């Protein structure tokens, strides 16, 4: 993306939009989101476990 420091807000929005349109589409996810998160066995009441 170009340097947008000197542009006004509206021009900046236009520049971002065109940059978004030009960008290559992202690939589909291979793994489900959050699958690498540490899983909890069981939450204990009242104590900070995470």
PDB file of N, CA and C in Angstrom:
ATOM      1  N   UNK A   1       0.841  -1.188   0.000  1.00  0.00           N
ATOM      2  CA  UNK A   1       0.000   0.000   0.000  1.00  0.00           C
ATOM      3  C   UNK A   1       0.882   1.245   0.000  1.00  0.00           C
ATOM      4  N   UNK A   2       0.405   2.288  -0.620  1.00  0.00           N
ATOM      5  CA  UNK A   2       1.165   3.531  -0.735  1.00  0.00           C
ATOM      6  C   UNK A   2       1.194   4.272   0.597  1.00  0.00           C
ATOM      7  N   UNK A   3       2.065   5.270   0.682  1.00  0.00           N
ATOM      8  CA  UNK A   3       2.143   6.101   1.879  1.00  0.00           C
ATOM      9  C   UNK A   3       0.909   7.000   1.932  1.00  0.00           C
ATOM     10  N   UNK A   4       0.133   6.900   2.993  1.00  0.00           N
ATOM     11  CA  UNK A   4      -1.138   7.631   3.073  1.00  0.00           C
ATOM     12  C   UNK A   4      -1.100   8.764   4.089  1.00  0.00           C
ATOM     13  N   UNK A   5       0.108   9.180   4.496  1.00  0.00           N
ATOM     14  CA  UNK A   5       0.225  10.203   5.546  1.00  0.00           C
ATOM     15  C   UNK A   5      -0.328  11.558   5.100  1.00  0.00           C
ATOM     16  N   UNK A   6      -0.113  11.905   3.829  1.00  0.00           N
ATOM     17  CA  UNK A   6      -0.509  13.238   3.352  1.00  0.00           C
ATOM     18  C   UNK A   6      -1.917  13.265   2.765  1.00  0.00           C
ATOM     19  N   UNK A   7      -2.587  12.132   2.669  1.00  0.00           N
ATOM     20  CA  UNK A   7      -3.924  12.080   2.083  1.00  0.00           C
ATOM     21  C   UNK A   7      -4.997  12.432   3.110  1.00  0.00           C
ATOM     22  N   UNK A   8      -6.122  12.898   2.614  1.00  0.00           N
ATOM     23  CA  UNK A   8      -7.254  13.159   3.504  1.00  0.00           C
ATOM     24  C   UNK A   8      -7.929  11.832   3.830  1.00  0.00           C
ATOM     25  N   UNK A   9      -8.884  11.885   4.734  1.00  0.00           N
ATOM     26  CA  UNK A   9      -9.543  10.651   5.174  1.00  0.00           C
ATOM     27  C   UNK A   9     -10.249   9.946   4.027  1.00  0.00           C
ATOM     28  N   UNK A  10     -10.975  10.710   3.213  1.00  0.00           N
ATOM     29  CA  UNK A  10     -11.711  10.110   2.102  1.00  0.00           C
ATOM     30  C   UNK A  10     -10.767   9.496   1.073  1.00  0.00           C
ATOM     31  N   UNK A  11      -9.675  10.211   0.767  1.00  0.00           N
ATOM     32  CA  UNK A  11      -8.700   9.684  -0.195  1.00  0.00           C
ATOM     33  C   UNK A  11      -8.040   8.425   0.353  1.00  0.00           C
ATOM     34  N   UNK A  12      -7.775   8.434   1.648  1.00  0.00           N
ATOM     35  CA  UNK A  12      -7.153   7.281   2.291  1.00  0.00           C
ATOM     36  C   UNK A  12      -8.071   6.055   2.176  1.00  0.00           C
ATOM     37  N   UNK A  13      -9.377   6.280   2.377  1.00  0.00           N
ATOM     38  CA  UNK A  13     -10.344   5.187   2.269  1.00  0.00           C
ATOM     39  C   UNK A  13     -10.346   4.613   0.855  1.00  0.00           C
ATOM     40  N   UNK A  14     -10.312   5.518  -0.136  1.00  0.00           N
ATOM     41  CA  UNK A  14     -10.293   5.065  -1.526  1.00  0.00           C
ATOM     42  C   UNK A  14      -9.036   4.262  -1.823  1.00  0.00           C
ATOM     43  N   UNK A  15      -7.890   4.751  -1.340  1.00  0.00           N
ATOM     44  CA  UNK A  15      -6.616   4.074  -1.590  1.00  0.00           C
ATOM     45  C   UNK A  15      -6.614   2.683  -0.966  1.00  0.00           C
ATOM     46  N   UNK A  16      -7.147   2.581   0.255  1.00  0.00           N
ATOM     47  CA  UNK A  16      -7.190   1.286   0.932  1.00  0.00           C
ATOM     48  C   UNK A  16      -8.096   0.320   0.183  1.00  0.00           C
ATOM     49  N   UNK A  17      -9.229   0.852  -0.291  1.00  0.00           N
ATOM     50  CA  UNK A  17     -10.184  -0.005  -1.000  1.00  0.00           C
ATOM     51  C   UNK A  17      -9.593  -0.568  -2.291  1.00  0.00           C
ATOM     52  N   UNK A  18      -8.885   0.299  -3.047  1.00  0.00           N
ATOM     53  CA  UNK A  18      -8.279  -0.181  -4.292  1.00  0.00           C
ATOM     54  C   UNK A  18      -7.175  -1.191  -3.987  1.00  0.00           C
ATOM     55  N   UNK A  19      -6.427  -0.950  -2.910  1.00  0.00           N
ATOM     56  CA  UNK A  19      -5.365  -1.889  -2.535  1.00  0.00           C
ATOM     57  C   UNK A  19      -5.965  -3.243  -2.165  1.00  0.00           C
ATOM     58  N   UNK A  20      -7.116  -3.198  -1.475  1.00  0.00           N
ATOM     59  CA  UNK A  20      -7.797  -4.442  -1.101  1.00  0.00           C
ATOM     60  C   UNK A  20      -8.273  -5.203  -2.327  1.00  0.00           C
ATOM     61  N   UNK A  21      -8.784  -4.456  -3.303  1.00  0.00           N
ATOM     62  CA  UNK A  21      -9.290  -5.103  -4.515  1.00  0.00           C
ATOM     63  C   UNK A  21      -8.157  -5.721  -5.330  1.00  0.00           C
ATOM     64  N   UNK A  22      -6.973  -5.068  -5.342  1.00  0.00           N
ATOM     65  CA  UNK A  22      -5.838  -5.567  -6.115  1.00  0.00           C
ATOM     66  C   UNK A  22      -5.193  -6.779  -5.466  1.00  0.00           C
ATOM     67  N   UNK A  23      -5.291  -6.885  -4.137  1.00  0.00           N
ATOM     68  CA  UNK A  23      -4.615  -7.966  -3.411  1.00  0.00           C
ATOM     69  C   UNK A  23      -5.166  -9.325  -3.826  1.00  0.00           C
ATOM     70  N   UNK A  24      -4.280 -10.311  -3.852  1.00  0.00           N
ATOM     71  CA  UNK A  24      -4.701 -11.665  -4.215  1.00  0.00           C
ATOM     72  C   UNK A  24      -5.595 -12.227  -3.118  1.00  0.00           C
ATOM     73  N   UNK A  25      -6.616 -12.994  -3.483  1.00  0.00           N
ATOM     74  CA  UNK A  25      -7.511 -13.540  -2.460  1.00  0.00           C
ATOM     75  C   UNK A  25      -6.786 -14.538  -1.558  1.00  0.00           C
ATOM     76  N   UNK A  26      -7.146 -14.530  -0.299  1.00  0.00           N
ATOM     77  CA  UNK A  26      -6.506 -15.438   0.657  1.00  0.00           C
ATOM     78  C   UNK A  26      -7.006 -16.858   0.427  1.00  0.00           C
ATOM     79  N   UNK A  27      -6.150 -17.822   0.702  1.00  0.00           N
ATOM     80  CA  UNK A  27      -6.526 -19.227   0.534  1.00  0.00           C
ATOM     81  C   UNK A  27      -7.477 -19.640   1.647  1.00  0.00           C
ATOM     82  N   UNK A  28      -8.277 -20.656   1.364  1.00  0.00           N
ATOM     83  CA  UNK A  28      -9.198 -21.168   2.367  1.00  0.00           C
ATOM     84  C   UNK A  28      -8.409 -21.812   3.504  1.00  0.00           C
ATOM     85  N   UNK A  29      -8.984 -21.815   4.683  1.00  0.00           N
ATOM     86  CA  UNK A  29      -8.309 -22.412   5.839  1.00  0.00           C
ATOM     87  C   UNK A  29      -8.211 -23.922   5.679  1.00  0.00           C
ATOM     88  N   UNK A  30      -7.055 -24.463   6.065  1.00  0.00           N
ATOM     89  CA  UNK A  30      -6.890 -25.916   6.017  1.00  0.00           C
ATOM     90  C   UNK A  30      -7.278 -26.543   7.350  1.00  0.00           C
ATOM     91  N   UNK A  31      -7.010 -25.820   8.452  1.00  0.00           N
ATOM     92  CA  UNK A  31      -7.381 -26.316   9.780  1.00  0.00           C
ATOM     93  C   UNK A  31      -8.450 -25.403  10.338  1.00  0.00           C
ATOM     94  N   UNK A  32      -9.332 -25.916  11.180  1.00  0.00           N
ATOM     95  CA  UNK A  32     -10.349 -25.040  11.763  1.00  0.00           C
ATOM     96  C   UNK A  32      -9.737 -23.996  12.682  1.00  0.00           C
ATOM     97  N   UNK A  33     -10.388 -22.847  12.779  1.00  0.00           N
ATOM     98  CA  UNK A  33      -9.861 -21.772  13.623  1.00  0.00           C
ATOM     99  C   UNK A  33      -9.875 -22.209  15.076  1.00  0.00           C
ATOM    100  N   UNK A  34      -8.827 -21.847  15.802  1.00  0.00           N
ATOM    101  CA  UNK A  34      -8.769 -22.154  17.227  1.00  0.00           C
ATOM    102  C   UNK A  34      -8.377 -23.587  17.514  1.00  0.00           C
ATOM    103  N   UNK A  35      -7.950 -24.331  16.504  1.00  0.00           N
ATOM    104  CA  UNK A  35      -7.609 -25.731  16.738  1.00  0.00           C
ATOM    105  C   UNK A  35      -6.271 -25.877  17.452  1.00  0.00           C
ATOM    106  N   UNK A  36      -5.414 -24.844  17.365  1.00  0.00           N
ATOM    107  CA  UNK A  36      -4.115 -24.932  18.022  1.00  0.00           C
ATOM    108  C   UNK A  36      -4.153 -24.407  19.451  1.00  0.00           C
ATOM    109  N   UNK A  37      -5.328 -23.917  19.880  1.00  0.00           N
ATOM    110  CA  UNK A  37      -5.450 -23.405  21.249  1.00  0.00           C
ATOM    111  C   UNK A  37      -5.283 -24.533  22.251  1.00  0.00           C
ATOM    112  N   UNK A  38      -4.727 -24.204  23.414  1.00  0.00           N
ATOM    113  CA  UNK A  38      -4.624 -25.199  24.471  1.00  0.00           C
ATOM    114  C   UNK A  38      -6.018 -25.469  25.006  1.00  0.00           C
ATOM    115  N   UNK A  39      -6.418 -26.712  25.037  1.00  0.00           N
ATOM    116  CA  UNK A  39      -7.750 -27.059  25.514  1.00  0.00           C
ATOM    117  C   UNK A  39      -7.723 -27.268  27.027  1.00  0.00           C
ATOM    118  N   UNK A  40      -8.799 -26.841  27.690  1.00  0.00           N
ATOM    119  CA  UNK A  40      -8.909 -26.988  29.139  1.00  0.00           C
ATOM    120  C   UNK A  40      -9.589 -28.312  29.449  1.00  0.00           C
ATOM    121  N   UNK A  41      -9.117 -28.987  30.519  1.00  0.00           N
ATOM    122  CA  UNK A  41      -9.787 -30.218  30.929  1.00  0.00           C
ATOM    123  C   UNK A  41     -11.130 -29.866  31.552  1.00  0.00           C
ATOM    124  N   UNK A  42     -11.096 -29.055  32.610  1.00  0.00           N
ATOM    125  CA  UNK A  42     -12.340 -28.596  33.230  1.00  0.00           C
ATOM    126  C   UNK A  42     -12.009 -27.327  34.004  1.00  0.00           C
ATOM    127  N   UNK A  43     -12.844 -26.325  33.873  1.00  0.00           N
ATOM    128  CA  UNK A  43     -12.593 -25.081  34.586  1.00  0.00           C
ATOM    129  C   UNK A  43     -12.920 -25.279  36.058  1.00  0.00           C
ATOM    130  N   UNK A  44     -12.094 -24.697  36.909  1.00  0.00           N
ATOM    131  CA  UNK A  44     -12.316 -24.768  38.347  1.00  0.00           C
ATOM    132  C   UNK A  44     -12.988 -23.481  38.782  1.00  0.00           C
ATOM    133  N   UNK A  45     -13.979 -23.571  39.602  1.00  0.00           N
ATOM    134  CA  UNK A  45     -14.716 -22.370  40.007  1.00  0.00           C
ATOM    135  C   UNK A  45     -13.853 -21.465  40.869  1.00  0.00           C
ATOM    136  N   UNK A  46     -13.821 -20.183  40.518  1.00  0.00           N
ATOM    137  CA  UNK A  46     -13.208 -19.177  41.377  1.00  0.00           C
ATOM    138  C   UNK A  46     -11.715 -19.011  41.264  1.00  0.00           C
ATOM    139  N   UNK A  47     -11.004 -19.899  40.588  1.00  0.00           N
ATOM    140  CA  UNK A  47      -9.553 -19.722  40.485  1.00  0.00           C
ATOM    141  C   UNK A  47      -9.171 -19.388  39.056  1.00  0.00           C
ATOM    142  N   UNK A  48      -8.151 -18.552  38.920  1.00  0.00           N
ATOM    143  CA  UNK A  48      -7.662 -18.192  37.579  1.00  0.00           C
ATOM    144  C   UNK A  48      -6.826 -19.351  37.086  1.00  0.00           C
ATOM    145  N   UNK A  49      -7.284 -19.997  36.058  1.00  0.00           N
ATOM    146  CA  UNK A  49      -6.551 -21.174  35.563  1.00  0.00           C
ATOM    147  C   UNK A  49      -5.803 -20.874  34.280  1.00  0.00           C
ATOM    148  N   UNK A  50      -6.281 -19.894  33.511  1.00  0.00           N
ATOM    149  CA  UNK A  50      -5.599 -19.575  32.258  1.00  0.00           C
ATOM    150  C   UNK A  50      -4.668 -18.413  32.454  1.00  0.00           C
TER     151      UNK A  50
END
